[in-house]
């Protein structure tokens, strides 16, 4: 089973059930400079991901590596929850 990826607007972060995805928590989401995040999951798109209104198309690993290699994606993980 292949890992799949989507990007989404971080305004919808509260809709994600982290038990359904491979991204472990809100604090480990890859972030862009444009208020986007990346989620990864195995197989079929999980229900909480399906519910996102701002989700992108599905990407495979090589496509996602190319996407996040651009300068639009930051490499650090600032806390979205306010915890440091």
PDB file of N, CA and C in Angstrom:
ATOM      1  N   UNK A   1       0.846  -1.180   0.000  1.00  0.00           N
ATOM      2  CA  UNK A   1       0.000   0.000   0.000  1.00  0.00           C
ATOM      3  C   UNK A   1       0.890   1.240   0.000  1.00  0.00           C
ATOM      4  N   UNK A   2       0.601   2.154  -0.893  1.00  0.00           N
ATOM      5  CA  UNK A   2       1.415   3.351  -1.028  1.00  0.00           C
ATOM      6  C   UNK A   2       0.959   4.465  -0.105  1.00  0.00           C
ATOM      7  N   UNK A   3       1.936   5.256   0.334  1.00  0.00           N
ATOM      8  CA  UNK A   3       1.632   6.456   1.110  1.00  0.00           C
ATOM      9  C   UNK A   3       1.157   7.526   0.142  1.00  0.00           C
ATOM     10  N   UNK A   4       0.106   8.220   0.530  1.00  0.00           N
ATOM     11  CA  UNK A   4      -0.434   9.316  -0.271  1.00  0.00           C
ATOM     12  C   UNK A   4      -0.375  10.590   0.567  1.00  0.00           C
ATOM     13  N   UNK A   5      -0.382  11.722  -0.114  1.00  0.00           N
ATOM     14  CA  UNK A   5      -0.242  13.026   0.533  1.00  0.00           C
ATOM     15  C   UNK A   5      -1.281  13.991  -0.021  1.00  0.00           C
ATOM     16  N   UNK A   6      -1.695  14.939   0.802  1.00  0.00           N
ATOM     17  CA  UNK A   6      -2.494  16.075   0.347  1.00  0.00           C
ATOM     18  C   UNK A   6      -1.973  17.320   1.059  1.00  0.00           C
ATOM     19  N   UNK A   7      -2.243  18.466   0.461  1.00  0.00           N
ATOM     20  CA  UNK A   7      -2.028  19.730   1.151  1.00  0.00           C
ATOM     21  C   UNK A   7      -3.402  20.277   1.506  1.00  0.00           C
ATOM     22  N   UNK A   8      -3.444  21.128   2.519  1.00  0.00           N
ATOM     23  CA  UNK A   8      -4.717  21.712   2.945  1.00  0.00           C
ATOM     24  C   UNK A   8      -4.428  23.017   3.669  1.00  0.00           C
ATOM     25  N   UNK A   9      -5.454  23.859   3.779  1.00  0.00           N
ATOM     26  CA  UNK A   9      -5.320  25.112   4.492  1.00  0.00           C
ATOM     27  C   UNK A   9      -5.359  24.844   5.995  1.00  0.00           C
ATOM     28  N   UNK A  10      -4.407  25.426   6.707  1.00  0.00           N
ATOM     29  CA  UNK A  10      -4.298  25.183   8.149  1.00  0.00           C
ATOM     30  C   UNK A  10      -5.497  25.691   8.944  1.00  0.00           C
ATOM     31  N   UNK A  11      -6.351  26.491   8.334  1.00  0.00           N
ATOM     32  CA  UNK A  11      -7.570  26.930   9.024  1.00  0.00           C
ATOM     33  C   UNK A  11      -8.482  25.744   9.344  1.00  0.00           C
ATOM     34  N   UNK A  12      -8.253  24.597   8.692  1.00  0.00           N
ATOM     35  CA  UNK A  12      -9.075  23.401   8.918  1.00  0.00           C
ATOM     36  C   UNK A  12      -8.387  22.353   9.798  1.00  0.00           C
ATOM     37  N   UNK A  13      -7.319  22.727  10.466  1.00  0.00           N
ATOM     38  CA  UNK A  13      -6.538  21.760  11.248  1.00  0.00           C
ATOM     39  C   UNK A  13      -7.377  21.036  12.292  1.00  0.00           C
ATOM     40  N   UNK A  14      -8.380  21.703  12.834  1.00  0.00           N
ATOM     41  CA  UNK A  14      -9.210  21.094  13.879  1.00  0.00           C
ATOM     42  C   UNK A  14     -10.083  19.963  13.353  1.00  0.00           C
ATOM     43  N   UNK A  15     -10.193  19.785  12.055  1.00  0.00           N
ATOM     44  CA  UNK A  15     -10.981  18.703  11.463  1.00  0.00           C
ATOM     45  C   UNK A  15     -10.207  17.392  11.358  1.00  0.00           C
ATOM     46  N   UNK A  16      -8.887  17.442  11.533  1.00  0.00           N
ATOM     47  CA  UNK A  16      -8.049  16.256  11.325  1.00  0.00           C
ATOM     48  C   UNK A  16      -8.083  15.339  12.534  1.00  0.00           C
ATOM     49  N   UNK A  17      -8.362  14.070  12.281  1.00  0.00           N
ATOM     50  CA  UNK A  17      -8.253  13.029  13.293  1.00  0.00           C
ATOM     51  C   UNK A  17      -6.873  12.399  13.088  1.00  0.00           C
ATOM     52  N   UNK A  18      -5.929  12.718  13.966  1.00  0.00           N
ATOM     53  CA  UNK A  18      -4.558  12.252  13.793  1.00  0.00           C
ATOM     54  C   UNK A  18      -4.408  10.747  14.001  1.00  0.00           C
ATOM     55  N   UNK A  19      -5.454  10.071  14.474  1.00  0.00           N
ATOM     56  CA  UNK A  19      -5.430   8.613  14.551  1.00  0.00           C
ATOM     57  C   UNK A  19      -5.646   7.979  13.174  1.00  0.00           C
ATOM     58  N   UNK A  20      -6.130   8.768  12.211  1.00  0.00           N
ATOM     59  CA  UNK A  20      -6.418   8.265  10.869  1.00  0.00           C
ATOM     60  C   UNK A  20      -5.279   8.491   9.874  1.00  0.00           C
ATOM     61  N   UNK A  21      -4.314   9.308  10.217  1.00  0.00           N
ATOM     62  CA  UNK A  21      -3.260   9.681   9.274  1.00  0.00           C
ATOM     63  C   UNK A  21      -1.886   9.307   9.824  1.00  0.00           C
ATOM     64  N   UNK A  22      -0.879   9.342   8.962  1.00  0.00           N
ATOM     65  CA  UNK A  22       0.486   9.022   9.386  1.00  0.00           C
ATOM     66  C   UNK A  22       1.207  10.215   9.991  1.00  0.00           C
ATOM     67  N   UNK A  23       0.715  11.417   9.747  1.00  0.00           N
ATOM     68  CA  UNK A  23       1.254  12.607  10.397  1.00  0.00           C
ATOM     69  C   UNK A  23       0.885  12.473  11.862  1.00  0.00           C
ATOM     70  N   UNK A  24       1.862  12.555  12.755  1.00  0.00           N
ATOM     71  CA  UNK A  24       1.620  12.170  14.138  1.00  0.00           C
ATOM     72  C   UNK A  24       0.871  13.185  14.993  1.00  0.00           C
ATOM     73  N   UNK A  25       1.020  14.469  14.672  1.00  0.00           N
ATOM     74  CA  UNK A  25       0.334  15.476  15.490  1.00  0.00           C
ATOM     75  C   UNK A  25       0.341  16.821  14.790  1.00  0.00           C
ATOM     76  N   UNK A  26      -0.350  17.742  15.378  1.00  0.00           N
ATOM     77  CA  UNK A  26      -0.403  19.103  14.855  1.00  0.00           C
ATOM     78  C   UNK A  26       0.988  19.739  14.821  1.00  0.00           C
ATOM     79  N   UNK A  27       1.855  19.319  15.712  1.00  0.00           N
ATOM     80  CA  UNK A  27       3.188  19.912  15.803  1.00  0.00           C
ATOM     81  C   UNK A  27       4.195  19.334  14.810  1.00  0.00           C
ATOM     82  N   UNK A  28       3.817  18.308  14.054  1.00  0.00           N
ATOM     83  CA  UNK A  28       4.755  17.714  13.099  1.00  0.00           C
ATOM     84  C   UNK A  28       4.316  17.874  11.649  1.00  0.00           C
ATOM     85  N   UNK A  29       3.349  18.736  11.411  1.00  0.00           N
ATOM     86  CA  UNK A  29       2.885  18.981  10.050  1.00  0.00           C
ATOM     87  C   UNK A  29       3.910  19.832   9.301  1.00  0.00           C
ATOM     88  N   UNK A  30       4.242  19.429   8.086  1.00  0.00           N
ATOM     89  CA  UNK A  30       5.092  20.245   7.217  1.00  0.00           C
ATOM     90  C   UNK A  30       4.268  21.464   6.821  1.00  0.00           C
ATOM     91  N   UNK A  31       4.854  22.648   6.959  1.00  0.00           N
ATOM     92  CA  UNK A  31       4.149  23.911   6.736  1.00  0.00           C
ATOM     93  C   UNK A  31       4.700  24.664   5.534  1.00  0.00           C
ATOM     94  N   UNK A  32       3.829  25.407   4.879  1.00  0.00           N
ATOM     95  CA  UNK A  32       4.261  26.283   3.796  1.00  0.00           C
ATOM     96  C   UNK A  32       4.230  27.724   4.283  1.00  0.00           C
ATOM     97  N   UNK A  33       4.808  28.585   3.484  1.00  0.00           N
ATOM     98  CA  UNK A  33       4.765  30.014   3.779  1.00  0.00           C
ATOM     99  C   UNK A  33       3.411  30.614   3.408  1.00  0.00           C
ATOM    100  N   UNK A  34       2.483  29.800   2.952  1.00  0.00           N
ATOM    101  CA  UNK A  34       1.176  30.270   2.500  1.00  0.00           C
ATOM    102  C   UNK A  34       0.038  29.623   3.279  1.00  0.00           C
ATOM    103  N   UNK A  35       0.279  29.307   4.556  1.00  0.00           N
ATOM    104  CA  UNK A  35      -0.740  28.764   5.454  1.00  0.00           C
ATOM    105  C   UNK A  35      -1.270  27.400   5.009  1.00  0.00           C
ATOM    106  N   UNK A  36      -0.416  26.605   4.369  1.00  0.00           N
ATOM    107  CA  UNK A  36      -0.784  25.249   3.980  1.00  0.00           C
ATOM    108  C   UNK A  36      -0.014  24.241   4.819  1.00  0.00           C
ATOM    109  N   UNK A  37      -0.582  23.067   4.954  1.00  0.00           N
ATOM    110  CA  UNK A  37       0.087  21.964   5.624  1.00  0.00           C
ATOM    111  C   UNK A  37      -0.011  20.716   4.767  1.00  0.00           C
ATOM    112  N   UNK A  38       0.786  19.707   5.108  1.00  0.00           N
ATOM    113  CA  UNK A  38       0.797  18.425   4.397  1.00  0.00           C
ATOM    114  C   UNK A  38       0.352  17.331   5.351  1.00  0.00           C
ATOM    115  N   UNK A  39      -0.521  16.468   4.868  1.00  0.00           N
ATOM    116  CA  UNK A  39      -0.903  15.259   5.601  1.00  0.00           C
ATOM    117  C   UNK A  39      -0.532  14.052   4.752  1.00  0.00           C
ATOM    118  N   UNK A  40      -0.158  12.949   5.432  1.00  0.00           N
ATOM    119  CA  UNK A  40       0.128  11.708   4.710  1.00  0.00           C
ATOM    120  C   UNK A  40      -0.667  10.579   5.340  1.00  0.00           C
ATOM    121  N   UNK A  41      -1.029   9.604   4.511  1.00  0.00           N
ATOM    122  CA  UNK A  41      -1.843   8.480   4.960  1.00  0.00           C
ATOM    123  C   UNK A  41      -1.625   7.303   4.026  1.00  0.00           C
ATOM    124  N   UNK A  42      -2.030   6.148   4.473  1.00  0.00           N
ATOM    125  CA  UNK A  42      -1.939   4.917   3.677  1.00  0.00           C
ATOM    126  C   UNK A  42      -3.286   4.578   3.070  1.00  0.00           C
ATOM    127  N   UNK A  43      -3.277   4.124   1.834  1.00  0.00           N
ATOM    128  CA  UNK A  43      -4.488   3.601   1.212  1.00  0.00           C
ATOM    129  C   UNK A  43      -5.537   4.650   0.908  1.00  0.00           C
ATOM    130  N   UNK A  44      -6.779   4.295   1.228  1.00  0.00           N
ATOM    131  CA  UNK A  44      -7.907   5.188   0.960  1.00  0.00           C
ATOM    132  C   UNK A  44      -7.827   6.445   1.820  1.00  0.00           C
ATOM    133  N   UNK A  45      -8.364   7.531   1.297  1.00  0.00           N
ATOM    134  CA  UNK A  45      -8.357   8.799   2.005  1.00  0.00           C
ATOM    135  C   UNK A  45      -9.235   8.693   3.265  1.00  0.00           C
ATOM    136  N   UNK A  46      -8.660   8.958   4.443  1.00  0.00           N
ATOM    137  CA  UNK A  46      -9.427   8.884   5.688  1.00  0.00           C
ATOM    138  C   UNK A  46     -10.594   9.874   5.706  1.00  0.00           C
ATOM    139  N   UNK A  47     -11.604   9.554   6.489  1.00  0.00           N
ATOM    140  CA  UNK A  47     -12.812  10.381   6.569  1.00  0.00           C
ATOM    141  C   UNK A  47     -12.503  11.821   6.950  1.00  0.00           C
ATOM    142  N   UNK A  48     -11.631  12.037   7.936  1.00  0.00           N
ATOM    143  CA  UNK A  48     -11.349  13.411   8.358  1.00  0.00           C
ATOM    144  C   UNK A  48     -10.645  14.200   7.261  1.00  0.00           C
ATOM    145  N   UNK A  49      -9.863  13.528   6.434  1.00  0.00           N
ATOM    146  CA  UNK A  49      -9.203  14.187   5.307  1.00  0.00           C
ATOM    147  C   UNK A  49     -10.229  14.480   4.213  1.00  0.00           C
ATOM    148  N   UNK A  50     -11.125  13.539   3.970  1.00  0.00           N
ATOM    149  CA  UNK A  50     -12.186  13.752   2.989  1.00  0.00           C
ATOM    150  C   UNK A  50     -13.021  14.974   3.325  1.00  0.00           C
ATOM    151  N   UNK A  51     -13.199  15.259   4.610  1.00  0.00           N
ATOM    152  CA  UNK A  51     -14.057  16.363   5.040  1.00  0.00           C
ATOM    153  C   UNK A  51     -13.424  17.743   4.814  1.00  0.00           C
ATOM    154  N   UNK A  52     -12.150  17.783   4.495  1.00  0.00           N
ATOM    155  CA  UNK A  52     -11.472  19.067   4.291  1.00  0.00           C
ATOM    156  C   UNK A  52     -11.953  19.739   3.001  1.00  0.00           C
ATOM    157  N   UNK A  53     -12.386  20.972   3.120  1.00  0.00           N
ATOM    158  CA  UNK A  53     -12.858  21.716   1.949  1.00  0.00           C
ATOM    159  C   UNK A  53     -11.703  22.262   1.118  1.00  0.00           C
ATOM    160  N   UNK A  54     -10.527  22.384   1.734  1.00  0.00           N
ATOM    161  CA  UNK A  54      -9.386  23.005   1.048  1.00  0.00           C
ATOM    162  C   UNK A  54      -8.322  21.995   0.619  1.00  0.00           C
ATOM    163  N   UNK A  55      -8.638  20.707   0.663  1.00  0.00           N
ATOM    164  CA  UNK A  55      -7.630  19.695   0.317  1.00  0.00           C
ATOM    165  C   UNK A  55      -7.272  19.768  -1.162  1.00  0.00           C
ATOM    166  N   UNK A  56      -6.031  19.441  -1.428  1.00  0.00           N
ATOM    167  CA  UNK A  56      -5.536  19.392  -2.794  1.00  0.00           C
ATOM    168  C   UNK A  56      -5.846  18.035  -3.405  1.00  0.00           C
ATOM    169  N   UNK A  57      -5.337  17.845  -4.602  1.00  0.00           N
ATOM    170  CA  UNK A  57      -5.325  16.515  -5.193  1.00  0.00           C
ATOM    171  C   UNK A  57      -4.429  15.624  -4.352  1.00  0.00           C
ATOM    172  N   UNK A  58      -4.526  14.311  -4.535  1.00  0.00           N
ATOM    173  CA  UNK A  58      -3.606  13.400  -3.880  1.00  0.00           C
ATOM    174  C   UNK A  58      -2.280  13.400  -4.620  1.00  0.00           C
ATOM    175  N   UNK A  59      -1.213  13.309  -3.863  1.00  0.00           N
ATOM    176  CA  UNK A  59       0.132  13.236  -4.419  1.00  0.00           C
ATOM    177  C   UNK A  59       0.774  11.926  -3.987  1.00  0.00           C
ATOM    178  N   UNK A  60       1.680  11.421  -4.816  1.00  0.00           N
ATOM    179  CA  UNK A  60       2.534  10.307  -4.412  1.00  0.00           C
ATOM    180  C   UNK A  60       3.846  10.900  -3.896  1.00  0.00           C
ATOM    181  N   UNK A  61       4.693  10.058  -3.334  1.00  0.00           N
ATOM    182  CA  UNK A  61       5.910  10.534  -2.682  1.00  0.00           C
ATOM    183  C   UNK A  61       6.770  11.405  -3.584  1.00  0.00           C
ATOM    184  N   UNK A  62       7.065  10.956  -4.782  1.00  0.00           N
ATOM    185  CA  UNK A  62       7.949  11.733  -5.653  1.00  0.00           C
ATOM    186  C   UNK A  62       7.358  13.098  -5.988  1.00  0.00           C
ATOM    187  N   UNK A  63       6.044  13.174  -6.148  1.00  0.00           N
ATOM    188  CA  UNK A  63       5.393  14.460  -6.412  1.00  0.00           C
ATOM    189  C   UNK A  63       5.466  15.382  -5.203  1.00  0.00           C
ATOM    190  N   UNK A  64       5.277  14.808  -4.017  1.00  0.00           N
ATOM    191  CA  UNK A  64       5.321  15.623  -2.803  1.00  0.00           C
ATOM    192  C   UNK A  64       6.735  16.114  -2.525  1.00  0.00           C
ATOM    193  N   UNK A  65       7.738  15.271  -2.745  1.00  0.00           N
ATOM    194  CA  UNK A  65       9.127  15.696  -2.557  1.00  0.00           C
ATOM    195  C   UNK A  65       9.433  16.888  -3.460  1.00  0.00           C
ATOM    196  N   UNK A  66       8.973  16.826  -4.695  1.00  0.00           N
ATOM    197  CA  UNK A  66       9.187  17.941  -5.620  1.00  0.00           C
ATOM    198  C   UNK A  66       8.466  19.200  -5.137  1.00  0.00           C
ATOM    199  N   UNK A  67       7.240  19.046  -4.693  1.00  0.00           N
ATOM    200  CA  UNK A  67       6.459  20.194  -4.221  1.00  0.00           C
ATOM    201  C   UNK A  67       7.106  20.873  -3.020  1.00  0.00           C
ATOM    202  N   UNK A  68       7.485  20.093  -2.012  1.00  0.00           N
ATOM    203  CA  UNK A  68       8.009  20.707  -0.781  1.00  0.00           C
ATOM    204  C   UNK A  68       9.478  21.108  -0.895  1.00  0.00           C
ATOM    205  N   UNK A  69      10.081  20.825  -2.039  1.00  0.00           N
ATOM    206  CA  UNK A  69      11.452  21.272  -2.265  1.00  0.00           C
ATOM    207  C   UNK A  69      11.529  22.744  -2.660  1.00  0.00           C
ATOM    208  N   UNK A  70      10.387  23.340  -2.938  1.00  0.00           N
ATOM    209  CA  UNK A  70      10.372  24.750  -3.334  1.00  0.00           C
ATOM    210  C   UNK A  70      10.559  25.642  -2.113  1.00  0.00           C
ATOM    211  N   UNK A  71      10.916  26.882  -2.360  1.00  0.00           N
ATOM    212  CA  UNK A  71      11.142  27.823  -1.256  1.00  0.00           C
ATOM    213  C   UNK A  71       9.850  28.227  -0.560  1.00  0.00           C
ATOM    214  N   UNK A  72       8.697  27.792  -1.079  1.00  0.00           N
ATOM    215  CA  UNK A  72       7.423  28.103  -0.436  1.00  0.00           C
ATOM    216  C   UNK A  72       7.167  27.263   0.814  1.00  0.00           C
ATOM    217  N   UNK A  73       7.965  26.231   1.009  1.00  0.00           N
ATOM    218  CA  UNK A  73       7.755  25.332   2.150  1.00  0.00           C
ATOM    219  C   UNK A  73       8.885  25.516   3.150  1.00  0.00           C
ATOM    220  N   UNK A  74       8.500  25.782   4.408  1.00  0.00           N
ATOM    221  CA  UNK A  74       9.491  25.979   5.459  1.00  0.00           C
ATOM    222  C   UNK A  74       9.884  24.639   6.054  1.00  0.00           C
ATOM    223  N   UNK A  75      11.063  24.579   6.618  1.00  0.00           N
ATOM    224  CA  UNK A  75      11.566  23.310   7.131  1.00  0.00           C
ATOM    225  C   UNK A  75      11.387  23.154   8.626  1.00  0.00           C
ATOM    226  N   UNK A  76      11.055  24.212   9.312  1.00  0.00           N
ATOM    227  CA  UNK A  76      10.872  24.120  10.758  1.00  0.00           C
ATOM    228  C   UNK A  76       9.404  23.875  11.079  1.00  0.00           C
ATOM    229  N   UNK A  77       9.156  23.471  12.295  1.00  0.00           N
ATOM    230  CA  UNK A  77       7.821  23.145  12.730  1.00  0.00           C
ATOM    231  C   UNK A  77       7.414  24.011  13.921  1.00  0.00           C
ATOM    232  N   UNK A  78       7.078  25.286  13.668  1.00  0.00           N
ATOM    233  CA  UNK A  78       6.652  26.102  14.800  1.00  0.00           C
ATOM    234  C   UNK A  78       5.383  25.532  15.405  1.00  0.00           C
ATOM    235  N   UNK A  79       5.231  25.644  16.674  1.00  0.00           N
ATOM    236  CA  UNK A  79       4.079  25.077  17.349  1.00  0.00           C
ATOM    237  C   UNK A  79       2.807  25.791  16.936  1.00  0.00           C
ATOM    238  N   UNK A  80       1.840  25.021  16.503  1.00  0.00           N
ATOM    239  CA  UNK A  80       0.523  25.585  16.161  1.00  0.00           C
ATOM    240  C   UNK A  80      -0.379  25.616  17.375  1.00  0.00           C
ATOM    241  N   UNK A  81       0.018  24.920  18.426  1.00  0.00           N
ATOM    242  CA  UNK A  81      -0.828  24.829  19.611  1.00  0.00           C
ATOM    243  C   UNK A  81      -0.435  25.821  20.678  1.00  0.00           C
ATOM    244  N   UNK A  82       0.663  26.535  20.485  1.00  0.00           N
ATOM    245  CA  UNK A  82       1.115  27.493  21.484  1.00  0.00           C
ATOM    246  C   UNK A  82       2.058  26.886  22.491  1.00  0.00           C
ATOM    247  N   UNK A  83       2.243  25.574  22.441  1.00  0.00           N
ATOM    248  CA  UNK A  83       3.172  24.894  23.352  1.00  0.00           C
ATOM    249  C   UNK A  83       4.577  24.944  22.772  1.00  0.00           C
ATOM    250  N   UNK A  84       5.566  25.152  23.597  1.00  0.00           N
ATOM    251  CA  UNK A  84       6.940  25.157  23.095  1.00  0.00           C
ATOM    252  C   UNK A  84       7.751  24.071  23.740  1.00  0.00           C
TER     253      UNK A  84
END
